[in-house]
C-alpha atoms as a PDB file:
ATOM      1  CA  MET A   1       7.453  -3.043 -14.110  1.00  0.00           C
ATOM      2  CA  PRO A   2       7.568  -6.070 -16.375  1.00  0.00           C
ATOM      3  CA  ARG A   3       4.594  -8.393 -16.142  1.00  0.00           C
ATOM      4  CA  TRP A   4       6.796 -11.382 -15.388  1.00  0.00           C
ATOM      5  CA  GLU A   5       8.270  -9.864 -12.215  1.00  0.00           C
ATOM      6  CA  SER A   6       7.616 -11.977  -9.137  1.00  0.00           C
ATOM      7  CA  ASP A   7       5.502 -11.072  -6.100  1.00  0.00           C
ATOM      8  CA  ALA A   8       2.484  -9.856  -8.050  1.00  0.00           C
ATOM      9  CA  GLN A   9       0.286 -10.011  -4.956  1.00  0.00           C
ATOM     10  CA  GLY A  10       2.724  -7.926  -2.926  1.00  0.00           C
ATOM     11  CA  ARG A  11       3.048  -5.369  -5.711  1.00  0.00           C
ATOM     12  CA  LEU A  12      -0.734  -5.092  -5.913  1.00  0.00           C
ATOM     13  CA  GLU A  13      -0.981  -4.583  -2.151  1.00  0.00           C
ATOM     14  CA  ARG A  14       1.733  -1.913  -2.133  1.00  0.00           C
ATOM     15  CA  ALA A  15       0.274  -0.143  -5.171  1.00  0.00           C
ATOM     16  CA  ALA A  16      -3.209  -0.153  -3.650  1.00  0.00           C
ATOM     17  CA  LEU A  17      -1.957   1.256  -0.366  1.00  0.00           C
ATOM     18  CA  GLU A  18      -0.073   4.022  -2.163  1.00  0.00           C
ATOM     19  CA  LEU A  19      -3.097   4.933  -4.277  1.00  0.00           C
ATOM     20  CA  PHE A  20      -5.495   4.775  -1.327  1.00  0.00           C
ATOM     21  CA  GLU A  21      -3.218   7.181   0.541  1.00  0.00           C
ATOM     22  CA  THR A  22      -2.746   9.643  -2.302  1.00  0.00           C
ATOM     23  CA  GLN A  23      -6.155   9.730  -3.960  1.00  0.00           C
ATOM     24  CA  GLY A  24      -8.455   7.987  -1.499  1.00  0.00           C
ATOM     25  CA  PHE A  25     -10.056   4.571  -1.407  1.00  0.00           C
ATOM     26  CA  GLU A  26     -13.267   5.604  -3.171  1.00  0.00           C
ATOM     27  CA  ARG A  27     -11.447   7.341  -6.026  1.00  0.00           C
ATOM     28  CA  THR A  28      -9.107   4.416  -6.696  1.00  0.00           C
ATOM     29  CA  SER A  29     -10.110   1.805  -9.243  1.00  0.00           C
ATOM     30  CA  VAL A  30      -8.942  -1.767  -9.608  1.00  0.00           C
ATOM     31  CA  ALA A  31      -7.575  -0.852 -13.039  1.00  0.00           C
ATOM     32  CA  GLN A  32      -5.434   1.897 -11.471  1.00  0.00           C
ATOM     33  CA  ILE A  33      -4.108  -0.490  -8.825  1.00  0.00           C
ATOM     34  CA  ALA A  34      -3.226  -3.114 -11.416  1.00  0.00           C
ATOM     35  CA  GLY A  35      -1.606  -0.524 -13.677  1.00  0.00           C
ATOM     36  CA  ALA A  36       0.483   0.902 -10.829  1.00  0.00           C
ATOM     37  CA  ALA A  37       1.653  -2.646 -10.056  1.00  0.00           C
ATOM     38  CA  GLY A  38       2.561  -3.251 -13.694  1.00  0.00           C
ATOM     39  CA  LEU A  39      -0.207  -5.802 -14.197  1.00  0.00           C
ATOM     40  CA  LYS A  40      -3.454  -6.166 -16.085  1.00  0.00           C
ATOM     41  CA  GLU A  41      -6.766  -5.683 -14.296  1.00  0.00           C
ATOM     42  CA  ARG A  42      -7.680  -9.348 -14.647  1.00  0.00           C
ATOM     43  CA  SER A  43      -4.469 -10.232 -12.769  1.00  0.00           C
ATOM     44  CA  PHE A  44      -5.822  -8.290  -9.796  1.00  0.00           C
ATOM     45  CA  TYR A  45      -8.820 -10.605  -9.633  1.00  0.00           C
ATOM     46  CA  ARG A  46      -6.582 -13.670  -9.486  1.00  0.00           C
ATOM     47  CA  TYR A  47      -5.504 -12.510  -6.038  1.00  0.00           C
ATOM     48  CA  PHE A  48      -8.407 -10.450  -4.684  1.00  0.00           C
ATOM     49  CA  PRO A  49     -12.181 -10.529  -5.154  1.00  0.00           C
ATOM     50  CA  ASP A  50     -12.470  -6.726  -4.817  1.00  0.00           C
ATOM     51  CA  LYS A  51     -10.419  -3.658  -3.979  1.00  0.00           C
ATOM     52  CA  ARG A  52     -11.348  -3.742  -0.268  1.00  0.00           C
ATOM     53  CA  GLU A  53      -9.798  -7.179   0.059  1.00  0.00           C
ATOM     54  CA  VAL A  54      -6.382  -6.008  -1.161  1.00  0.00           C
ATOM     55  CA  LEU A  55      -5.587  -4.797   2.379  1.00  0.00           C
ATOM     56  CA  PHE A  56      -7.046  -7.897   4.070  1.00  0.00           C
ATOM     57  CA  ALA A  57      -5.879 -10.763   1.885  1.00  0.00           C
ATOM     58  CA  GLY A  58      -4.923 -14.154   3.143  1.00  0.00           C
ATOM     59  CA  ASN A  59      -5.713 -16.071   6.263  1.00  0.00           C
ATOM     60  CA  GLU A  60      -2.139 -16.424   7.531  1.00  0.00           C
ATOM     61  CA  LEU A  61      -2.958 -14.651  10.790  1.00  0.00           C
ATOM     62  CA  GLU A  62      -6.055 -16.760  11.358  1.00  0.00           C
ATOM     63  CA  ALA A  63      -4.164 -20.006  10.708  1.00  0.00           C
ATOM     64  CA  HIS A  64      -1.237 -18.870  12.867  1.00  0.00           C
ATOM     65  CA  LEU A  65      -3.463 -17.999  15.830  1.00  0.00           C
ATOM     66  CA  VAL A  66      -5.409 -21.261  15.666  1.00  0.00           C
ATOM     67  CA  ALA A  67      -2.154 -23.254  15.495  1.00  0.00           C
ATOM     68  CA  GLN A  68      -0.732 -21.319  18.445  1.00  0.00           C
ATOM     69  CA  VAL A  69      -3.836 -21.921  20.590  1.00  0.00           C
ATOM     70  CA  GLU A  70      -3.837 -25.608  19.709  1.00  0.00           C
ATOM     71  CA  ALA A  71      -0.113 -25.937  20.492  1.00  0.00           C
ATOM     72  CA  ALA A  72      -0.295 -23.941  23.740  1.00  0.00           C
ATOM     73  CA  ASP A  73       0.772 -25.602  26.962  1.00  0.00           C
ATOM     74  CA  PRO A  74      -2.222 -27.474  28.398  1.00  0.00           C
ATOM     75  CA  GLY A  75      -1.463 -25.871  31.772  1.00  0.00           C
ATOM     76  CA  LEU A  76      -2.356 -22.430  30.429  1.00  0.00           C
ATOM     77  CA  THR A  77      -5.864 -21.148  30.956  1.00  0.00           C
ATOM     78  CA  PRO A  78      -7.797 -20.518  27.735  1.00  0.00           C
ATOM     79  CA  ILE A  79      -7.327 -16.757  28.171  1.00  0.00           C
ATOM     80  CA  GLU A  80      -3.592 -17.234  28.663  1.00  0.00           C
ATOM     81  CA  ALA A  81      -3.432 -19.412  25.543  1.00  0.00           C
ATOM     82  CA  LEU A  82      -5.248 -16.745  23.509  1.00  0.00           C
ATOM     83  CA  LEU A  83      -3.052 -13.941  24.860  1.00  0.00           C
ATOM     84  CA  ALA A  84       0.078 -15.966  24.120  1.00  0.00           C
ATOM     85  CA  ALA A  85      -1.146 -16.727  20.601  1.00  0.00           C
ATOM     86  CA  LEU A  86      -1.885 -13.079  19.833  1.00  0.00           C
ATOM     87  CA  GLY A  87       1.423 -12.098  21.394  1.00  0.00           C
ATOM     88  CA  THR A  88       3.221 -14.162  18.738  1.00  0.00           C
ATOM     89  CA  ALA A  89       1.330 -12.593  15.833  1.00  0.00           C
ATOM     90  CA  GLU A  90       4.156 -10.162  15.146  1.00  0.00           C
ATOM     91  CA  GLU A  91       6.093 -13.149  13.759  1.00  0.00           C
ATOM     92  CA  ILE A  92       3.901 -13.075  10.654  1.00  0.00           C
ATOM     93  CA  PHE A  93       2.901  -9.405  10.443  1.00  0.00           C
ATOM     94  CA  ARG A  94       4.026  -7.247   7.585  1.00  0.00           C
ATOM     95  CA  PRO A  95       6.591  -4.502   8.261  1.00  0.00           C
ATOM     96  CA  ARG A  96       5.464  -1.864  10.778  1.00  0.00           C
ATOM     97  CA  GLU A  97       5.562   0.978   8.257  1.00  0.00           C
ATOM     98  CA  PHE A  98       3.153  -0.892   5.981  1.00  0.00           C
ATOM     99  CA  LEU A  99       0.867  -1.642   8.948  1.00  0.00           C
ATOM    100  CA  LEU A 100       0.931   1.988  10.133  1.00  0.00           C
ATOM    101  CA  ARG A 101       0.023   3.250   6.669  1.00  0.00           C
ATOM    102  CA  ARG A 102      -2.646   0.553   6.335  1.00  0.00           C
ATOM    103  CA  ALA A 103      -4.158   1.515   9.702  1.00  0.00           C
ATOM    104  CA  ARG A 104      -4.440   5.169   8.639  1.00  0.00           C
ATOM    105  CA  VAL A 105      -6.139   4.214   5.370  1.00  0.00           C
ATOM    106  CA  ILE A 106      -8.566   1.898   7.163  1.00  0.00           C
ATOM    107  CA  ALA A 107      -9.413   4.519   9.792  1.00  0.00           C
ATOM    108  CA  ALA A 108     -10.220   7.054   7.064  1.00  0.00           C
ATOM    109  CA  ASN A 109     -12.572   4.772   5.113  1.00  0.00           C
ATOM    110  CA  PRO A 110     -15.800   3.343   6.553  1.00  0.00           C
ATOM    111  CA  ALA A 111     -15.920   0.519   3.984  1.00  0.00           C
ATOM    112  CA  LEU A 112     -12.444  -0.596   5.021  1.00  0.00           C
ATOM    113  CA  ALA A 113     -13.194  -0.210   8.730  1.00  0.00           C
ATOM    114  CA  GLU A 114     -16.231  -2.431   8.206  1.00  0.00           C
ATOM    115  CA  ARG A 115     -14.083  -4.985   6.375  1.00  0.00           C
ATOM    116  CA  ASP A 116     -11.587  -4.906   9.248  1.00  0.00           C
ATOM    117  CA  LEU A 117     -14.375  -5.823  11.681  1.00  0.00           C
ATOM    118  CA  ILE A 118     -15.529  -8.631   9.393  1.00  0.00           C
ATOM    119  CA  LYS A 119     -11.959  -9.984   9.281  1.00  0.00           C
ATOM    120  CA  LEU A 120     -11.768  -9.910  13.097  1.00  0.00           C
ATOM    121  CA  ALA A 121     -15.079 -11.787  13.282  1.00  0.00           C
ATOM    122  CA  ALA A 122     -13.692 -14.444  10.927  1.00  0.00           C
ATOM    123  CA  ILE A 123     -10.622 -14.814  13.155  1.00  0.00           C
ATOM    124  CA  ALA A 124     -12.901 -15.173  16.189  1.00  0.00           C
ATOM    125  CA  ASP A 125     -14.958 -17.820  14.385  1.00  0.00           C
ATOM    126  CA  ALA A 126     -11.790 -19.754  13.539  1.00  0.00           C
ATOM    127  CA  LEU A 127     -10.506 -19.586  17.127  1.00  0.00           C
ATOM    128  CA  ALA A 128     -13.761 -20.818  18.674  1.00  0.00           C
ATOM    129  CA  PRO A 129     -13.315 -24.545  17.874  1.00  0.00           C
ATOM    130  CA  ALA A 130      -9.706 -24.433  19.145  1.00  0.00           C
ATOM    131  CA  LEU A 131     -10.925 -23.096  22.488  1.00  0.00           C
ATOM    132  CA  GLU A 132     -13.751 -25.603  22.663  1.00  0.00           C
ATOM    133  CA  ARG A 133     -11.163 -28.361  22.210  1.00  0.00           C
ATOM    134  CA  ARG A 134      -9.394 -26.865  25.243  1.00  0.00           C
ATOM    135  CA  GLY A 135     -12.582 -27.415  27.253  1.00  0.00           C
ATOM    136  CA  VAL A 136     -14.203 -23.981  27.107  1.00  0.00           C
ATOM    137  CA  GLU A 137     -17.981 -24.073  27.125  1.00  0.00           C
ATOM    138  CA  PRO A 138     -19.407 -23.028  23.745  1.00  0.00           C
ATOM    139  CA  GLY A 139     -21.456 -20.275  25.409  1.00  0.00           C
ATOM    140  CA  LYS A 140     -18.322 -18.653  26.829  1.00  0.00           C
ATOM    141  CA  VAL A 141     -15.994 -19.042  23.853  1.00  0.00           C
ATOM    142  CA  ARG A 142     -16.983 -15.958  21.876  1.00  0.00           C
ATOM    143  CA  PHE A 143     -17.048 -13.765  24.979  1.00  0.00           C
ATOM    144  CA  MET A 144     -13.522 -14.898  25.858  1.00  0.00           C
ATOM    145  CA  ILE A 145     -12.272 -14.276  22.327  1.00  0.00           C
ATOM    146  CA  ASP A 146     -13.888 -10.830  22.211  1.00  0.00           C
ATOM    147  CA  VAL A 147     -12.189  -9.862  25.487  1.00  0.00           C
ATOM    148  CA  VAL A 148      -8.784 -10.952  24.199  1.00  0.00           C
ATOM    149  CA  LEU A 149      -9.330  -9.206  20.860  1.00  0.00           C
ATOM    150  CA  ALA A 150     -10.166  -6.019  22.795  1.00  0.00           C
ATOM    151  CA  ILE A 151      -6.856  -6.384  24.636  1.00  0.00           C
ATOM    152  CA  HIS A 152      -5.155  -6.862  21.277  1.00  0.00           C
ATOM    153  CA  ARG A 153      -6.816  -3.736  19.858  1.00  0.00           C
ATOM    154  CA  ARG A 154      -5.428  -1.785  22.832  1.00  0.00           C
ATOM    155  CA  ALA A 155      -1.916  -3.217  22.437  1.00  0.00           C
ATOM    156  CA  MET A 156      -1.578  -3.050  18.656  1.00  0.00           C
ATOM    157  CA  PRO A 157      -1.315   0.749  18.189  1.00  0.00           C
ATOM    158  CA  ARG A 158       1.237   0.849  20.993  1.00  0.00           C
ATOM    159  CA  TRP A 159       3.255  -1.899  19.320  1.00  0.00           C
ATOM    160  CA  LEU A 160       3.215   0.015  16.044  1.00  0.00           C
ATOM    161  CA  ALA A 161       4.409   3.158  17.817  1.00  0.00           C
ATOM    162  CA  GLU A 162       7.008   1.467  20.058  1.00  0.00           C
ATOM    163  CA  PRO A 163       9.364  -0.596  17.879  1.00  0.00           C
ATOM    164  CA  ASP A 164      11.550  -1.634  20.823  1.00  0.00           C
ATOM    165  CA  THR A 165       8.679  -3.348  22.647  1.00  0.00           C
ATOM    166  CA  THR A 166       7.282  -6.743  21.749  1.00  0.00           C
ATOM    167  CA  LEU A 167       3.631  -7.299  21.063  1.00  0.00           C
ATOM    168  CA  ALA A 168       3.593  -9.944  23.817  1.00  0.00           C
ATOM    169  CA  GLN A 169       4.787  -7.352  26.357  1.00  0.00           C
ATOM    170  CA  LEU A 170       2.131  -4.882  25.296  1.00  0.00           C
ATOM    171  CA  MET A 171      -0.558  -7.571  25.338  1.00  0.00           C
ATOM    172  CA  ALA A 172       0.403  -8.384  28.936  1.00  0.00           C
ATOM    173  CA  GLN A 173       0.327  -4.683  29.816  1.00  0.00           C
ATOM    174  CA  ALA A 174      -3.106  -4.217  28.225  1.00  0.00           C
ATOM    175  CA  ALA A 175      -4.405  -7.328  30.020  1.00  0.00           C
ATOM    176  CA  ALA A 176      -3.184  -5.910  33.328  1.00  0.00           C
ATOM    177  CA  GLU A 177      -4.914  -2.606  32.540  1.00  0.00           C
ATOM    178  CA  LEU A 178      -8.137  -4.482  31.868  1.00  0.00           C
ATOM    179  CA  CYS A 179      -7.854  -6.262  35.215  1.00  0.00           C
ATOM    180  CA  GLU A 180      -7.349  -2.907  36.954  1.00  0.00           C
ATOM    181  CA  VAL A 181     -10.483  -1.525  35.304  1.00  0.00           C
ATOM    182  CA  VAL A 182     -12.644  -4.590  35.910  1.00  0.00           C
ATOM    183  CA  ALA A 183     -11.407  -5.414  39.401  1.00  0.00           C
ATOM    184  CA  PRO A 184      -9.598  -2.405  40.833  1.00  0.00           C
ATOM    185  CA  PRO A 185      -7.579  -2.975  43.973  1.00  0.00           C
ATOM    186  CA  ALA A 186      -9.513  -2.519  47.166  1.00  0.00           C
ATOM    187  CA  PRO A 187      -8.972   0.845  48.806  1.00  0.00           C
ATOM    188  CA  THR A 188      -6.645   0.810  51.755  1.00  0.00           C
ATOM    189  CA  ILE A 189      -8.181   1.650  55.104  1.00  0.00           C
ATOM    190  CA  ARG A 190      -6.175   3.902  57.375  1.00  0.00           C
END
């Protein structure tokens, strides 16, 4: 590929994913990623601080979620606002096939799984002030976010596997499942 071709960051991400899949994360170097993308190694570092970050770049999701929580109807409970925000995340996600491949690579590599958890913690940290502005006590904010992120972690693999279902639908389904587990219906007396 010529060096002047546009979308250098996207090419680096796609090249890294391909190399991580074929030869493994640990055996892939930044130089190999850059070369596969048709770029020089120093170009890689213009976009990413290290090779782990190539699959986690940008804060678009974080910014999107915060904006959605802040714009949510004031009549929604904080949990409903969070669920609604996460339900709209598919608007900015990459294509499903990329996300499926990325998920497999992350699951196979402890360093990437750790980075995924760090990214989720950063999203939680960014959401906290938005919830506090909605009146949630600071002591409850992180707990609330963690619960909703757990619902999201349950819904996300289903969304990836079920292209005809929206993420919002699967978030609602996972939330209902959580309610059944936490507060099961009372047994009927005969």
